[in-house]
C-alpha atoms as a PDB file:
ATOM      1  CA  UNK A   1     -16.471  16.254   4.941  1.00  0.00           C
ATOM      2  CA  UNK A   2     -19.246  15.417   2.494  1.00  0.00           C
ATOM      3  CA  UNK A   3     -20.869  12.002   2.464  1.00  0.00           C
ATOM      4  CA  UNK A   4     -19.312  11.429  -0.971  1.00  0.00           C
ATOM      5  CA  UNK A   5     -15.889  11.345   0.691  1.00  0.00           C
ATOM      6  CA  UNK A   6     -16.933   9.113   3.570  1.00  0.00           C
ATOM      7  CA  UNK A   7     -15.413   5.691   3.925  1.00  0.00           C
ATOM      8  CA  UNK A   8     -17.927   2.908   3.280  1.00  0.00           C
ATOM      9  CA  UNK A   9     -19.145   1.309   6.509  1.00  0.00           C
ATOM     10  CA  UNK A  10     -17.476  -2.000   5.582  1.00  0.00           C
ATOM     11  CA  UNK A  11     -14.033  -0.386   5.403  1.00  0.00           C
ATOM     12  CA  UNK A  12     -12.622   1.435   8.404  1.00  0.00           C
ATOM     13  CA  UNK A  13     -10.497   4.461   7.669  1.00  0.00           C
ATOM     14  CA  UNK A  14      -6.925   3.356   6.954  1.00  0.00           C
ATOM     15  CA  UNK A  15      -3.628   5.145   7.373  1.00  0.00           C
ATOM     16  CA  UNK A  16      -1.803   4.896   4.055  1.00  0.00           C
ATOM     17  CA  UNK A  17       1.801   5.867   3.507  1.00  0.00           C
ATOM     18  CA  UNK A  18       2.339   7.232   0.011  1.00  0.00           C
ATOM     19  CA  UNK A  19       5.974   7.278  -1.131  1.00  0.00           C
ATOM     20  CA  UNK A  20       6.881   9.225  -4.260  1.00  0.00           C
ATOM     21  CA  UNK A  21       9.761  11.590  -4.964  1.00  0.00           C
ATOM     22  CA  UNK A  22       7.691  13.448  -7.570  1.00  0.00           C
ATOM     23  CA  UNK A  23       5.586  16.094  -5.811  1.00  0.00           C
ATOM     24  CA  UNK A  24       2.889  16.178  -8.523  1.00  0.00           C
ATOM     25  CA  UNK A  25       2.457  12.396  -8.503  1.00  0.00           C
ATOM     26  CA  UNK A  26       2.449  12.355  -4.708  1.00  0.00           C
ATOM     27  CA  UNK A  27      -0.260  15.010  -4.424  1.00  0.00           C
ATOM     28  CA  UNK A  28      -2.449  13.516  -7.181  1.00  0.00           C
ATOM     29  CA  UNK A  29      -2.426  10.042  -5.604  1.00  0.00           C
ATOM     30  CA  UNK A  30      -2.926  11.526  -2.143  1.00  0.00           C
ATOM     31  CA  UNK A  31      -6.060  13.311  -3.349  1.00  0.00           C
ATOM     32  CA  UNK A  32      -7.434  10.082  -4.851  1.00  0.00           C
ATOM     33  CA  UNK A  33      -6.841   8.105  -1.662  1.00  0.00           C
ATOM     34  CA  UNK A  34      -8.267  10.820   0.584  1.00  0.00           C
ATOM     35  CA  UNK A  35     -11.358  10.996  -1.613  1.00  0.00           C
ATOM     36  CA  UNK A  36     -11.820   7.300  -0.818  1.00  0.00           C
ATOM     37  CA  UNK A  37     -11.895   8.216   2.880  1.00  0.00           C
ATOM     38  CA  UNK A  38      -8.371   7.212   3.871  1.00  0.00           C
ATOM     39  CA  UNK A  39      -5.873   9.186   5.914  1.00  0.00           C
ATOM     40  CA  UNK A  40      -2.684   9.644   3.908  1.00  0.00           C
ATOM     41  CA  UNK A  41       0.811  10.551   5.031  1.00  0.00           C
ATOM     42  CA  UNK A  42       3.364  11.271   2.350  1.00  0.00           C
ATOM     43  CA  UNK A  43       7.052  10.681   2.003  1.00  0.00           C
ATOM     44  CA  UNK A  44       9.497  11.600  -0.726  1.00  0.00           C
ATOM     45  CA  UNK A  45      12.185   9.044   0.157  1.00  0.00           C
ATOM     46  CA  UNK A  46      12.616   5.440   1.188  1.00  0.00           C
ATOM     47  CA  UNK A  47      14.490   6.348   4.378  1.00  0.00           C
ATOM     48  CA  UNK A  48      11.712   8.717   5.439  1.00  0.00           C
ATOM     49  CA  UNK A  49       9.123   6.031   4.619  1.00  0.00           C
ATOM     50  CA  UNK A  50      10.866   3.513   6.882  1.00  0.00           C
ATOM     51  CA  UNK A  51      10.948   6.126   9.620  1.00  0.00           C
ATOM     52  CA  UNK A  52       7.180   6.693   9.256  1.00  0.00           C
ATOM     53  CA  UNK A  53       6.548   2.949   9.519  1.00  0.00           C
ATOM     54  CA  UNK A  54       8.628   2.774  12.701  1.00  0.00           C
ATOM     55  CA  UNK A  55       6.773   5.689  14.323  1.00  0.00           C
ATOM     56  CA  UNK A  56       3.186   5.116  13.178  1.00  0.00           C
ATOM     57  CA  UNK A  57       0.797   2.200  12.673  1.00  0.00           C
ATOM     58  CA  UNK A  58       0.676   2.269   8.875  1.00  0.00           C
ATOM     59  CA  UNK A  59      -2.015   0.061   7.310  1.00  0.00           C
ATOM     60  CA  UNK A  60      -0.708   0.067   3.740  1.00  0.00           C
ATOM     61  CA  UNK A  61       2.169   1.511   1.706  1.00  0.00           C
ATOM     62  CA  UNK A  62       1.901   2.758  -1.879  1.00  0.00           C
ATOM     63  CA  UNK A  63       5.316   3.384  -3.407  1.00  0.00           C
ATOM     64  CA  UNK A  64       6.673   4.462  -6.736  1.00  0.00           C
ATOM     65  CA  UNK A  65       9.572   2.398  -8.051  1.00  0.00           C
ATOM     66  CA  UNK A  66      11.705   5.485  -8.720  1.00  0.00           C
ATOM     67  CA  UNK A  67      12.836   7.198  -5.553  1.00  0.00           C
ATOM     68  CA  UNK A  68      15.945   9.170  -4.716  1.00  0.00           C
ATOM     69  CA  UNK A  69      18.828   7.301  -3.036  1.00  0.00           C
ATOM     70  CA  UNK A  70      16.801   4.158  -2.254  1.00  0.00           C
ATOM     71  CA  UNK A  71      14.555   2.956  -5.079  1.00  0.00           C
ATOM     72  CA  UNK A  72      11.118   1.443  -4.548  1.00  0.00           C
ATOM     73  CA  UNK A  73      12.476  -2.108  -4.875  1.00  0.00           C
ATOM     74  CA  UNK A  74      15.007  -1.546  -2.069  1.00  0.00           C
ATOM     75  CA  UNK A  75      12.280   0.046   0.044  1.00  0.00           C
ATOM     76  CA  UNK A  76      10.049  -2.961  -0.605  1.00  0.00           C
ATOM     77  CA  UNK A  77      12.820  -5.358   0.479  1.00  0.00           C
ATOM     78  CA  UNK A  78      13.363  -3.412   3.698  1.00  0.00           C
ATOM     79  CA  UNK A  79       9.634  -3.204   4.413  1.00  0.00           C
ATOM     80  CA  UNK A  80       9.341  -6.980   3.959  1.00  0.00           C
ATOM     81  CA  UNK A  81      12.192  -7.505   6.426  1.00  0.00           C
ATOM     82  CA  UNK A  82      11.054  -5.011   9.062  1.00  0.00           C
ATOM     83  CA  UNK A  83       7.259  -5.144   8.609  1.00  0.00           C
ATOM     84  CA  UNK A  84       6.489  -8.488   6.911  1.00  0.00           C
ATOM     85  CA  UNK A  85       2.694  -8.212   7.186  1.00  0.00           C
ATOM     86  CA  UNK A  86       2.434  -4.659   5.860  1.00  0.00           C
ATOM     87  CA  UNK A  87       0.656  -4.616   2.475  1.00  0.00           C
ATOM     88  CA  UNK A  88       2.610  -2.800  -0.246  1.00  0.00           C
ATOM     89  CA  UNK A  89       1.521  -1.552  -3.665  1.00  0.00           C
ATOM     90  CA  UNK A  90       4.283  -0.826  -6.184  1.00  0.00           C
ATOM     91  CA  UNK A  91       3.595   1.646  -9.012  1.00  0.00           C
ATOM     92  CA  UNK A  92       5.879   1.768 -12.065  1.00  0.00           C
ATOM     93  CA  UNK A  93       6.122   3.078 -15.607  1.00  0.00           C
ATOM     94  CA  UNK A  94       7.754  -0.199 -16.589  1.00  0.00           C
ATOM     95  CA  UNK A  95       5.408  -2.943 -15.382  1.00  0.00           C
ATOM     96  CA  UNK A  96       4.829  -4.328 -18.865  1.00  0.00           C
ATOM     97  CA  UNK A  97       8.289  -3.591 -20.292  1.00  0.00           C
ATOM     98  CA  UNK A  98      10.101  -5.310 -17.414  1.00  0.00           C
ATOM     99  CA  UNK A  99       7.457  -7.946 -16.724  1.00  0.00           C
ATOM    100  CA  UNK A 100       6.979  -6.747 -13.151  1.00  0.00           C
ATOM    101  CA  UNK A 101       4.421  -8.618 -11.077  1.00  0.00           C
ATOM    102  CA  UNK A 102       3.686  -9.591  -7.498  1.00  0.00           C
ATOM    103  CA  UNK A 103       5.835 -12.725  -7.645  1.00  0.00           C
ATOM    104  CA  UNK A 104       9.046 -11.129  -8.924  1.00  0.00           C
ATOM    105  CA  UNK A 105       8.807  -7.885  -6.921  1.00  0.00           C
ATOM    106  CA  UNK A 106       7.426  -9.108  -3.603  1.00  0.00           C
ATOM    107  CA  UNK A 107       4.711  -6.438  -3.695  1.00  0.00           C
ATOM    108  CA  UNK A 108       1.113  -7.315  -2.874  1.00  0.00           C
ATOM    109  CA  UNK A 109      -0.011  -5.458  -6.000  1.00  0.00           C
ATOM    110  CA  UNK A 110       1.865  -3.975  -8.952  1.00  0.00           C
ATOM    111  CA  UNK A 111       0.269  -1.173 -10.952  1.00  0.00           C
ATOM    112  CA  UNK A 112       1.301   0.233 -14.327  1.00  0.00           C
ATOM    113  CA  UNK A 113       1.271   4.030 -14.594  1.00  0.00           C
ATOM    114  CA  UNK A 114      -1.416   4.651 -17.199  1.00  0.00           C
ATOM    115  CA  UNK A 115      -4.784   6.238 -17.822  1.00  0.00           C
ATOM    116  CA  UNK A 116      -6.306   3.361 -15.778  1.00  0.00           C
ATOM    117  CA  UNK A 117      -3.938   3.767 -12.824  1.00  0.00           C
ATOM    118  CA  UNK A 118      -6.485   5.462 -10.549  1.00  0.00           C
ATOM    119  CA  UNK A 119      -9.047   2.676 -10.972  1.00  0.00           C
ATOM    120  CA  UNK A 120      -6.399  -0.002 -10.399  1.00  0.00           C
ATOM    121  CA  UNK A 121      -5.099   1.839  -7.327  1.00  0.00           C
ATOM    122  CA  UNK A 122      -8.559   2.180  -5.754  1.00  0.00           C
ATOM    123  CA  UNK A 123      -9.328  -1.506  -6.337  1.00  0.00           C
ATOM    124  CA  UNK A 124      -5.938  -2.700  -5.054  1.00  0.00           C
ATOM    125  CA  UNK A 125      -6.157  -0.562  -1.903  1.00  0.00           C
ATOM    126  CA  UNK A 126      -9.672  -1.794  -1.172  1.00  0.00           C
ATOM    127  CA  UNK A 127      -8.716  -5.434  -1.775  1.00  0.00           C
ATOM    128  CA  UNK A 128      -5.572  -5.311   0.350  1.00  0.00           C
ATOM    129  CA  UNK A 129      -7.201  -3.460   3.242  1.00  0.00           C
ATOM    130  CA  UNK A 130     -10.135  -5.861   3.203  1.00  0.00           C
ATOM    131  CA  UNK A 131      -7.722  -8.826   3.193  1.00  0.00           C
ATOM    132  CA  UNK A 132      -5.731  -7.321   6.076  1.00  0.00           C
ATOM    133  CA  UNK A 133      -8.862  -6.749   8.168  1.00  0.00           C
ATOM    134  CA  UNK A 134     -10.355 -10.188   7.510  1.00  0.00           C
ATOM    135  CA  UNK A 135      -7.075 -12.077   7.996  1.00  0.00           C
ATOM    136  CA  UNK A 136      -7.198 -13.911  11.332  1.00  0.00           C
ATOM    137  CA  UNK A 137      -4.125 -14.999  13.249  1.00  0.00           C
ATOM    138  CA  UNK A 138      -3.201 -18.640  12.567  1.00  0.00           C
ATOM    139  CA  UNK A 139      -4.080 -19.630  16.149  1.00  0.00           C
ATOM    140  CA  UNK A 140      -7.681 -18.401  15.654  1.00  0.00           C
ATOM    141  CA  UNK A 141      -8.004 -20.230  12.336  1.00  0.00           C
ATOM    142  CA  UNK A 142      -6.800 -23.500  13.885  1.00  0.00           C
ATOM    143  CA  UNK A 143      -9.135 -23.088  16.871  1.00  0.00           C
ATOM    144  CA  UNK A 144     -12.050 -22.457  14.524  1.00  0.00           C
ATOM    145  CA  UNK A 145     -11.206 -25.715  12.701  1.00  0.00           C
ATOM    146  CA  UNK A 146     -11.133 -27.570  16.020  1.00  0.00           C
ATOM    147  CA  UNK A 147      -7.386 -28.123  16.085  1.00  0.00           C
ATOM    148  CA  UNK A 148      -5.271 -27.588  19.171  1.00  0.00           C
ATOM    149  CA  UNK A 149      -2.671 -24.837  19.128  1.00  0.00           C
END
């Protein structure tokens, strides 16, 4: 692997689950994420994605809103129930048209499919992985503030 594809020292390599029923979209996003130094597993369905999360320690999920049988919103609901601390990025053609955002979808980041999608995806992944790594358990935060747990 060339140094251009290496993960920056401040960000350990993450395992990202990419969920998209469209093979071209799946492979294009996978290439972008791998170029950033991440390991990427792919899934074409919500059920398969949930199975991956049960079997492997996934650090972050990137899902399209349109999936076969179980759409991205249903997948997001199930991920929140089964894996509440797992960061999720939702990608949609209809972010602006439907007014989709983090508050009304439950996703940690919502990205509009567009010419700027790659830049938004890279930034969101970096931000969410950094937040996940730097987030301390509540007991450690309280101890650091001198409060008993």
